[in-house]
Amino acid sequence: EATIPSAWSADDTFSYLATFSNAAAWDPGVSSGKALDPGQVRTGSRFRLVVSFLGRRLPLTYEVTHYSTENRDVLLEATSGLLQARDRITVSAAGAHDAAAAEALAVTAAEVALSTAPSSTPAANGSGAANGSGAANGSGAAATLRSVVSYRAEVTLRGPLRLLEPVMRRGFASVGDRAARGLAKVLAVPRSSAARAS
């Protein structure tokens, strides 16, 4: 389970994440993503993702089994002959109690700024921080905490592979950590800047 800060509004963050084909843009374990149903995301919407699994490319069709715009909460599930996956994503507006999330966002935004800035241009103050409320990023805008993502992903192996689940648990955690870092980097760039870059 991961808690990820976002410089985007809660509604924008939820809309982006509920459109699960976007996972290909932030999860290094997803090589491609495609929406299978037209129109707005809703209960029953399906997304086809191709993921890396045990050294091979595994297609998975995720279906939205719960969707609430009011609570900004979505549950997606996929089942194949090898595994079952459940991803629950909840987005809340940032509050005064989210100081740790704001600090995490500032650090991630500074990392993004350093990775996208020309090598001849040093960070303004060595840390990339613009001020106490946010951090500079590649667009020159400040990343201010606007919402927080709660992301819980569960993978259960099926068939004979179930015997390997205790051994593979650490590998699953590592995959999840990489995905969370990728998502944090995307959400650290304010939405207007991200829209211009896409």
C-alpha atoms as a PDB file:
ATOM      1  CA  GLU A   1       0.000   0.000   0.000  1.00  0.00           C
ATOM      2  CA  ALA A   2       1.302   3.459  -0.875  1.00  0.00           C
ATOM      3  CA  THR A   3       0.364   7.037  -0.054  1.00  0.00           C
ATOM      4  CA  ILE A   4       1.324   9.365  -2.890  1.00  0.00           C
ATOM      5  CA  PRO A   5       1.166  13.184  -2.856  1.00  0.00           C
ATOM      6  CA  SER A   6      -0.188  15.031  -5.876  1.00  0.00           C
ATOM      7  CA  ALA A   7       0.215  18.581  -7.178  1.00  0.00           C
ATOM      8  CA  TRP A   8      -3.018  18.061  -9.153  1.00  0.00           C
ATOM      9  CA  SER A   9      -6.528  18.688  -7.891  1.00  0.00           C
ATOM     10  CA  ALA A  10      -8.254  15.690  -6.329  1.00  0.00           C
ATOM     11  CA  ASP A  11     -10.698  15.460  -9.260  1.00  0.00           C
ATOM     12  CA  ASP A  12      -7.942  15.598 -11.900  1.00  0.00           C
ATOM     13  CA  THR A  13      -5.852  13.055 -10.008  1.00  0.00           C
ATOM     14  CA  PHE A  14      -8.785  10.664  -9.657  1.00  0.00           C
ATOM     15  CA  SER A  15      -9.809  10.995 -13.308  1.00  0.00           C
ATOM     16  CA  TYR A  16      -6.238  10.304 -14.461  1.00  0.00           C
ATOM     17  CA  LEU A  17      -5.807   7.227 -12.252  1.00  0.00           C
ATOM     18  CA  ALA A  18      -9.266   5.784 -12.887  1.00  0.00           C
ATOM     19  CA  THR A  19      -8.399   5.823 -16.592  1.00  0.00           C
ATOM     20  CA  PHE A  20      -6.199   2.811 -15.926  1.00  0.00           C
ATOM     21  CA  SER A  21      -4.613   2.721 -19.376  1.00  0.00           C
ATOM     22  CA  ASN A  22      -2.553   5.699 -18.110  1.00  0.00           C
ATOM     23  CA  ALA A  23      -0.584   3.220 -15.988  1.00  0.00           C
ATOM     24  CA  ALA A  24       1.713   2.750 -18.992  1.00  0.00           C
ATOM     25  CA  ALA A  25       2.907   6.346 -18.459  1.00  0.00           C
ATOM     26  CA  TRP A  26       3.969   5.904 -14.820  1.00  0.00           C
ATOM     27  CA  ASP A  27       4.412   2.187 -14.044  1.00  0.00           C
ATOM     28  CA  PRO A  28       7.679   0.799 -15.462  1.00  0.00           C
ATOM     29  CA  GLY A  29       6.189  -2.694 -15.218  1.00  0.00           C
ATOM     30  CA  VAL A  30       3.450  -1.824 -17.740  1.00  0.00           C
ATOM     31  CA  SER A  31       4.561  -1.766 -21.375  1.00  0.00           C
ATOM     32  CA  SER A  32       1.219  -0.696 -22.852  1.00  0.00           C
ATOM     33  CA  GLY A  33      -2.303   0.238 -21.834  1.00  0.00           C
ATOM     34  CA  LYS A  34      -5.524   0.623 -23.796  1.00  0.00           C
ATOM     35  CA  ALA A  35      -9.117   1.490 -22.897  1.00  0.00           C
ATOM     36  CA  LEU A  36     -11.455  -1.153 -24.285  1.00  0.00           C
ATOM     37  CA  ASP A  37     -14.704   0.770 -23.804  1.00  0.00           C
ATOM     38  CA  PRO A  38     -15.617   4.226 -25.152  1.00  0.00           C
ATOM     39  CA  GLY A  39     -16.828   7.107 -23.031  1.00  0.00           C
ATOM     40  CA  GLN A  40     -16.364   8.029 -19.392  1.00  0.00           C
ATOM     41  CA  VAL A  41     -14.921   5.564 -16.918  1.00  0.00           C
ATOM     42  CA  ARG A  42     -17.687   3.791 -14.995  1.00  0.00           C
ATOM     43  CA  THR A  43     -18.401   0.476 -13.317  1.00  0.00           C
ATOM     44  CA  GLY A  44     -17.826  -2.149 -15.998  1.00  0.00           C
ATOM     45  CA  SER A  45     -15.189  -0.169 -17.959  1.00  0.00           C
ATOM     46  CA  ARG A  46     -12.299  -2.357 -19.091  1.00  0.00           C
ATOM     47  CA  PHE A  47      -8.619  -1.670 -19.733  1.00  0.00           C
ATOM     48  CA  ARG A  48      -6.069  -3.938 -21.372  1.00  0.00           C
ATOM     49  CA  LEU A  49      -2.579  -3.688 -19.890  1.00  0.00           C
ATOM     50  CA  VAL A  50       0.502  -5.623 -20.928  1.00  0.00           C
ATOM     51  CA  VAL A  51       2.701  -6.188 -17.885  1.00  0.00           C
ATOM     52  CA  SER A  52       6.068  -7.784 -17.207  1.00  0.00           C
ATOM     53  CA  PHE A  53       5.700 -11.025 -15.259  1.00  0.00           C
ATOM     54  CA  LEU A  54       8.408 -13.643 -14.682  1.00  0.00           C
ATOM     55  CA  GLY A  55      10.397 -12.361 -17.647  1.00  0.00           C
ATOM     56  CA  ARG A  56       7.519 -12.426 -20.107  1.00  0.00           C
ATOM     57  CA  ARG A  57       4.826 -10.044 -21.334  1.00  0.00           C
ATOM     58  CA  LEU A  58       1.462 -10.868 -19.810  1.00  0.00           C
ATOM     59  CA  PRO A  59      -1.751  -9.257 -21.121  1.00  0.00           C
ATOM     60  CA  LEU A  60      -4.293  -8.480 -18.402  1.00  0.00           C
ATOM     61  CA  THR A  61      -7.804  -7.109 -18.797  1.00  0.00           C
ATOM     62  CA  TYR A  62      -8.759  -4.989 -15.803  1.00  0.00           C
ATOM     63  CA  GLU A  63     -12.415  -4.257 -15.128  1.00  0.00           C
ATOM     64  CA  VAL A  64     -13.743  -1.473 -12.941  1.00  0.00           C
ATOM     65  CA  THR A  65     -15.822  -3.286 -10.312  1.00  0.00           C
ATOM     66  CA  HIS A  66     -16.492  -0.252  -8.110  1.00  0.00           C
ATOM     67  CA  TYR A  67     -16.495   3.421  -9.119  1.00  0.00           C
ATOM     68  CA  SER A  68     -17.498   6.473  -7.089  1.00  0.00           C
ATOM     69  CA  THR A  69     -16.778  10.012  -8.262  1.00  0.00           C
ATOM     70  CA  GLU A  70     -18.284  11.368  -5.043  1.00  0.00           C
ATOM     71  CA  ASN A  71     -15.750   9.504  -2.880  1.00  0.00           C
ATOM     72  CA  ARG A  72     -13.072   9.449  -5.600  1.00  0.00           C
ATOM     73  CA  ASP A  73     -12.693   5.717  -5.125  1.00  0.00           C
ATOM     74  CA  VAL A  74     -12.168   3.040  -7.774  1.00  0.00           C
ATOM     75  CA  LEU A  75     -11.533  -0.699  -7.630  1.00  0.00           C
ATOM     76  CA  LEU A  76     -10.097  -2.527 -10.650  1.00  0.00           C
ATOM     77  CA  GLU A  77      -9.715  -6.284 -10.928  1.00  0.00           C
ATOM     78  CA  ALA A  78      -8.004  -8.587 -13.407  1.00  0.00           C
ATOM     79  CA  THR A  79      -7.811 -12.372 -13.550  1.00  0.00           C
ATOM     80  CA  SER A  80      -5.661 -14.586 -15.758  1.00  0.00           C
ATOM     81  CA  GLY A  81      -4.606 -18.218 -15.601  1.00  0.00           C
ATOM     82  CA  LEU A  82      -1.521 -17.135 -13.627  1.00  0.00           C
ATOM     83  CA  LEU A  83      -2.724 -14.482 -11.223  1.00  0.00           C
ATOM     84  CA  GLN A  84      -5.484 -12.306  -9.853  1.00  0.00           C
ATOM     85  CA  ALA A  85      -4.871  -8.579  -9.343  1.00  0.00           C
ATOM     86  CA  ARG A  86      -6.901  -6.010  -7.393  1.00  0.00           C
ATOM     87  CA  ASP A  87      -6.015  -2.316  -7.413  1.00  0.00           C
ATOM     88  CA  ARG A  88      -7.936   0.085  -5.161  1.00  0.00           C
ATOM     89  CA  ILE A  89      -7.312   3.799  -5.600  1.00  0.00           C
ATOM     90  CA  THR A  90      -8.779   6.520  -3.389  1.00  0.00           C
ATOM     91  CA  VAL A  91      -8.011  10.225  -3.780  1.00  0.00           C
ATOM     92  CA  SER A  92      -8.686  12.876  -1.152  1.00  0.00           C
ATOM     93  CA  ALA A  93      -8.167  16.616  -1.131  1.00  0.00           C
ATOM     94  CA  ALA A  94      -5.095  17.698   0.800  1.00  0.00           C
ATOM     95  CA  GLY A  95      -5.655  18.874   4.367  1.00  0.00           C
ATOM     96  CA  ALA A  96      -3.646  20.650   7.030  1.00  0.00           C
ATOM     97  CA  HIS A  97      -2.642  17.269   8.509  1.00  0.00           C
ATOM     98  CA  ASP A  98      -0.786  16.282   5.321  1.00  0.00           C
ATOM     99  CA  ALA A  99       2.567  17.896   6.208  1.00  0.00           C
ATOM    100  CA  ALA A 100       4.498  14.661   5.520  1.00  0.00           C
ATOM    101  CA  ALA A 101       2.835  14.334   2.104  1.00  0.00           C
ATOM    102  CA  ALA A 102       3.683  17.963   1.292  1.00  0.00           C
ATOM    103  CA  GLU A 103       7.317  17.324   2.187  1.00  0.00           C
ATOM    104  CA  ALA A 104       7.391  14.159   0.060  1.00  0.00           C
ATOM    105  CA  LEU A 105       5.942  16.116  -2.870  1.00  0.00           C
ATOM    106  CA  ALA A 106       8.606  18.810  -2.493  1.00  0.00           C
ATOM    107  CA  VAL A 107      11.369  16.194  -2.558  1.00  0.00           C
ATOM    108  CA  THR A 108       9.931  14.424  -5.620  1.00  0.00           C
ATOM    109  CA  ALA A 109       9.386  17.715  -7.469  1.00  0.00           C
ATOM    110  CA  ALA A 110      13.014  18.650  -6.772  1.00  0.00           C
ATOM    111  CA  GLU A 111      14.152  15.279  -8.168  1.00  0.00           C
ATOM    112  CA  VAL A 112      12.052  15.837 -11.294  1.00  0.00           C
ATOM    113  CA  ALA A 113      13.522  19.332 -11.677  1.00  0.00           C
ATOM    114  CA  LEU A 114      17.062  18.021 -11.395  1.00  0.00           C
ATOM    115  CA  SER A 115      16.418  15.229 -13.893  1.00  0.00           C
ATOM    116  CA  THR A 116      14.859  17.556 -16.495  1.00  0.00           C
ATOM    117  CA  ALA A 117      17.004  20.686 -16.042  1.00  0.00           C
ATOM    118  CA  PRO A 118      19.907  21.303 -18.454  1.00  0.00           C
ATOM    119  CA  SER A 119      23.149  20.123 -16.885  1.00  0.00           C
ATOM    120  CA  SER A 120      24.610  23.627 -17.156  1.00  0.00           C
ATOM    121  CA  THR A 121      21.796  25.126 -15.058  1.00  0.00           C
ATOM    122  CA  PRO A 122      22.237  24.401 -11.346  1.00  0.00           C
ATOM    123  CA  ALA A 123      19.232  24.219  -9.031  1.00  0.00           C
ATOM    124  CA  ALA A 124      18.332  27.566  -7.526  1.00  0.00           C
ATOM    125  CA  ASN A 125      19.269  26.635  -3.976  1.00  0.00           C
ATOM    126  CA  GLY A 126      20.893  23.225  -4.233  1.00  0.00           C
ATOM    127  CA  SER A 127      17.778  21.328  -3.148  1.00  0.00           C
ATOM    128  CA  GLY A 128      15.471  22.427  -5.942  1.00  0.00           C
ATOM    129  CA  ALA A 129      13.018  23.819  -3.403  1.00  0.00           C
ATOM    130  CA  ALA A 130      11.340  27.026  -4.401  1.00  0.00           C
ATOM    131  CA  ASN A 131       9.861  27.830  -0.991  1.00  0.00           C
ATOM    132  CA  GLY A 132       8.245  26.187   1.997  1.00  0.00           C
ATOM    133  CA  SER A 133       4.960  25.534   0.202  1.00  0.00           C
ATOM    134  CA  GLY A 134       6.277  23.695  -2.816  1.00  0.00           C
ATOM    135  CA  ALA A 135       9.252  22.839  -4.975  1.00  0.00           C
ATOM    136  CA  ALA A 136      10.479  23.952  -8.336  1.00  0.00           C
ATOM    137  CA  ASN A 137      10.024  21.542 -11.212  1.00  0.00           C
ATOM    138  CA  GLY A 138      10.999  21.360 -14.866  1.00  0.00           C
ATOM    139  CA  SER A 139       8.275  23.826 -15.829  1.00  0.00           C
ATOM    140  CA  GLY A 140       9.438  26.482 -13.394  1.00  0.00           C
ATOM    141  CA  ALA A 141       6.140  26.289 -11.501  1.00  0.00           C
ATOM    142  CA  ALA A 142       5.871  25.405  -7.841  1.00  0.00           C
ATOM    143  CA  ALA A 143       4.483  22.008  -6.846  1.00  0.00           C
ATOM    144  CA  THR A 144       1.979  22.618  -4.052  1.00  0.00           C
ATOM    145  CA  LEU A 145       0.214  19.702  -2.402  1.00  0.00           C
ATOM    146  CA  ARG A 146      -3.400  19.611  -3.621  1.00  0.00           C
ATOM    147  CA  SER A 147      -4.445  15.991  -3.072  1.00  0.00           C
ATOM    148  CA  VAL A 148      -3.284  12.645  -1.685  1.00  0.00           C
ATOM    149  CA  VAL A 149      -3.596   9.203  -3.290  1.00  0.00           C
ATOM    150  CA  SER A 150      -4.089   6.008  -1.318  1.00  0.00           C
ATOM    151  CA  TYR A 151      -3.121   3.090  -3.585  1.00  0.00           C
ATOM    152  CA  ARG A 152      -3.458  -0.550  -2.580  1.00  0.00           C
ATOM    153  CA  ALA A 153      -2.448  -3.274  -5.039  1.00  0.00           C
ATOM    154  CA  GLU A 154      -2.870  -6.963  -4.295  1.00  0.00           C
ATOM    155  CA  VAL A 155      -1.556  -9.786  -6.477  1.00  0.00           C
ATOM    156  CA  THR A 156      -2.510 -13.411  -5.779  1.00  0.00           C
ATOM    157  CA  LEU A 157      -0.897 -16.186  -7.773  1.00  0.00           C
ATOM    158  CA  ARG A 158      -3.103 -18.950  -9.134  1.00  0.00           C
ATOM    159  CA  GLY A 159      -2.624 -22.641  -9.837  1.00  0.00           C
ATOM    160  CA  PRO A 160       0.796 -24.226  -9.168  1.00  0.00           C
ATOM    161  CA  LEU A 161       2.352 -20.748  -8.881  1.00  0.00           C
ATOM    162  CA  ARG A 162       0.561 -20.263  -5.543  1.00  0.00           C
ATOM    163  CA  LEU A 163       3.329 -22.334  -3.960  1.00  0.00           C
ATOM    164  CA  LEU A 164       5.813 -19.610  -4.947  1.00  0.00           C
ATOM    165  CA  GLU A 165       3.823 -16.744  -3.449  1.00  0.00           C
ATOM    166  CA  PRO A 166       5.790 -16.483  -0.174  1.00  0.00           C
ATOM    167  CA  VAL A 167       9.055 -16.373  -2.141  1.00  0.00           C
ATOM    168  CA  MET A 168       7.780 -13.845  -4.665  1.00  0.00           C
ATOM    169  CA  ARG A 169       6.233 -11.465  -2.133  1.00  0.00           C
ATOM    170  CA  ARG A 170       9.449  -9.415  -1.915  1.00  0.00           C
ATOM    171  CA  GLY A 171       9.580  -9.139  -5.703  1.00  0.00           C
ATOM    172  CA  PHE A 172       5.985  -7.919  -5.814  1.00  0.00           C
ATOM    173  CA  ALA A 173       6.812  -5.289  -3.182  1.00  0.00           C
ATOM    174  CA  SER A 174       9.760  -4.076  -5.274  1.00  0.00           C
ATOM    175  CA  VAL A 175       7.560  -3.804  -8.376  1.00  0.00           C
ATOM    176  CA  GLY A 176       5.017  -1.845  -6.338  1.00  0.00           C
ATOM    177  CA  ASP A 177       7.686   0.521  -5.021  1.00  0.00           C
ATOM    178  CA  ARG A 178       8.897   1.293  -8.558  1.00  0.00           C
ATOM    179  CA  ALA A 179       5.336   1.959  -9.706  1.00  0.00           C
ATOM    180  CA  ALA A 180       4.701   4.275  -6.734  1.00  0.00           C
ATOM    181  CA  ARG A 181       7.890   6.246  -7.502  1.00  0.00           C
ATOM    182  CA  GLY A 182       6.882   6.569 -11.149  1.00  0.00           C
ATOM    183  CA  LEU A 183       3.411   7.799 -10.233  1.00  0.00           C
ATOM    184  CA  ALA A 184       4.813  10.246  -7.673  1.00  0.00           C
ATOM    185  CA  LYS A 185       7.009  11.809 -10.362  1.00  0.00           C
ATOM    186  CA  VAL A 186       4.082  12.284 -12.741  1.00  0.00           C
ATOM    187  CA  LEU A 187       1.869  13.804 -10.044  1.00  0.00           C
ATOM    188  CA  ALA A 188       4.646  16.125  -8.808  1.00  0.00           C
ATOM    189  CA  VAL A 189       4.417  18.217 -11.987  1.00  0.00           C
ATOM    190  CA  PRO A 190       1.468  20.659 -11.750  1.00  0.00           C
ATOM    191  CA  ARG A 191      -1.377  19.692 -14.100  1.00  0.00           C
ATOM    192  CA  SER A 192      -1.066  22.683 -16.452  1.00  0.00           C
ATOM    193  CA  SER A 193       2.623  21.874 -16.964  1.00  0.00           C
ATOM    194  CA  ALA A 194       1.913  18.173 -17.457  1.00  0.00           C
ATOM    195  CA  ALA A 195      -0.788  19.003 -20.015  1.00  0.00           C
ATOM    196  CA  ARG A 196       1.603  21.198 -21.983  1.00  0.00           C
ATOM    197  CA  ALA A 197       4.226  18.457 -22.000  1.00  0.00           C
ATOM    198  CA  SER A 198       1.824  15.782 -23.330  1.00  0.00           C
END
